[in-house]
Amino acid sequence: MENALLIDSDLSYAKLEAAVFDGANLSYANLTGSTDGHVKNAILDHTIMPDGSIRNN
């Protein structure tokens, strides 16, 4: 999923251990309860992280 456009995606409780999100846009995505895989250089504006916190970068 490198450079993927995943804006406003609901990935809650997804099993993403092996997923690579290098350069992906995860703005407004919901990752609550998911295993977030390898996130590198991703855009995470207003993203709900696996622990429920909101990430803004």
Protein backbone atom coordinates (compact mmCIF):
# COMPACT_ATOMS: atom_id res chain seq x y z
CA MET A 1 0.00 0.00 0.00
CA GLU A 2 2.87 2.35 -0.69
CA ASN A 3 1.74 5.85 -1.70
CA ALA A 4 -1.89 4.73 -1.36
CA LEU A 5 -4.66 7.32 -0.99
CA LEU A 6 -6.58 6.08 2.05
CA ILE A 7 -8.27 9.32 3.14
CA ASP A 8 -11.30 8.72 5.40
CA SER A 9 -10.76 4.94 5.34
CA ASP A 10 -12.18 2.76 8.08
CA LEU A 11 -9.43 0.27 8.90
CA SER A 12 -10.62 -0.30 12.46
CA TYR A 13 -9.67 -3.73 13.82
CA ALA A 14 -7.98 -4.64 10.54
CA LYS A 15 -5.12 -7.12 10.66
CA LEU A 16 -2.41 -5.06 9.00
CA GLU A 17 0.76 -6.51 10.55
CA ALA A 18 2.51 -6.95 7.20
CA ALA A 19 1.08 -3.87 5.50
CA VAL A 20 3.51 -1.15 4.40
CA PHE A 21 2.14 2.39 4.34
CA ASP A 22 5.25 4.20 3.07
CA GLY A 23 4.10 7.60 1.81
CA ALA A 24 0.41 6.72 2.12
CA ASN A 25 -2.16 9.41 2.92
CA LEU A 26 -4.13 8.16 5.92
CA SER A 27 -5.73 11.51 6.76
CA TYR A 28 -9.01 11.14 8.66
CA ALA A 29 -8.59 7.34 8.62
CA ASN A 30 -9.80 5.26 11.53
CA LEU A 31 -7.17 2.76 12.67
CA THR A 32 -8.77 2.12 16.07
CA GLY A 33 -7.92 -1.34 17.34
CA SER A 34 -5.98 -2.26 14.23
CA THR A 35 -2.42 -3.45 14.07
CA ASP A 36 -0.93 -0.56 12.13
CA GLY A 37 1.78 -2.37 10.17
CA HIS A 38 4.82 -0.43 8.99
CA VAL A 39 3.93 3.28 8.74
CA LYS A 40 6.73 5.38 7.28
CA ASN A 41 6.49 8.88 5.81
CA ALA A 42 2.69 8.60 5.91
CA ILE A 43 0.39 11.63 6.09
CA LEU A 44 -1.62 11.15 9.27
CA ASP A 45 -3.60 14.39 9.70
CA HIS A 46 -6.58 13.79 12.02
CA THR A 47 -5.95 10.03 11.92
CA ILE A 48 -7.35 7.94 14.77
CA MET A 49 -4.48 5.68 15.78
CA PRO A 50 -4.77 2.06 17.03
CA ASP A 51 -4.70 3.22 20.67
CA GLY A 52 -7.53 5.71 20.07
CA SER A 53 -5.31 8.81 20.09
CA ILE A 54 -5.62 11.33 17.27
CA ARG A 55 -2.48 11.94 15.25
CA ASN A 56 -1.80 15.26 13.55
CA ASN A 57 1.38 15.89 11.62
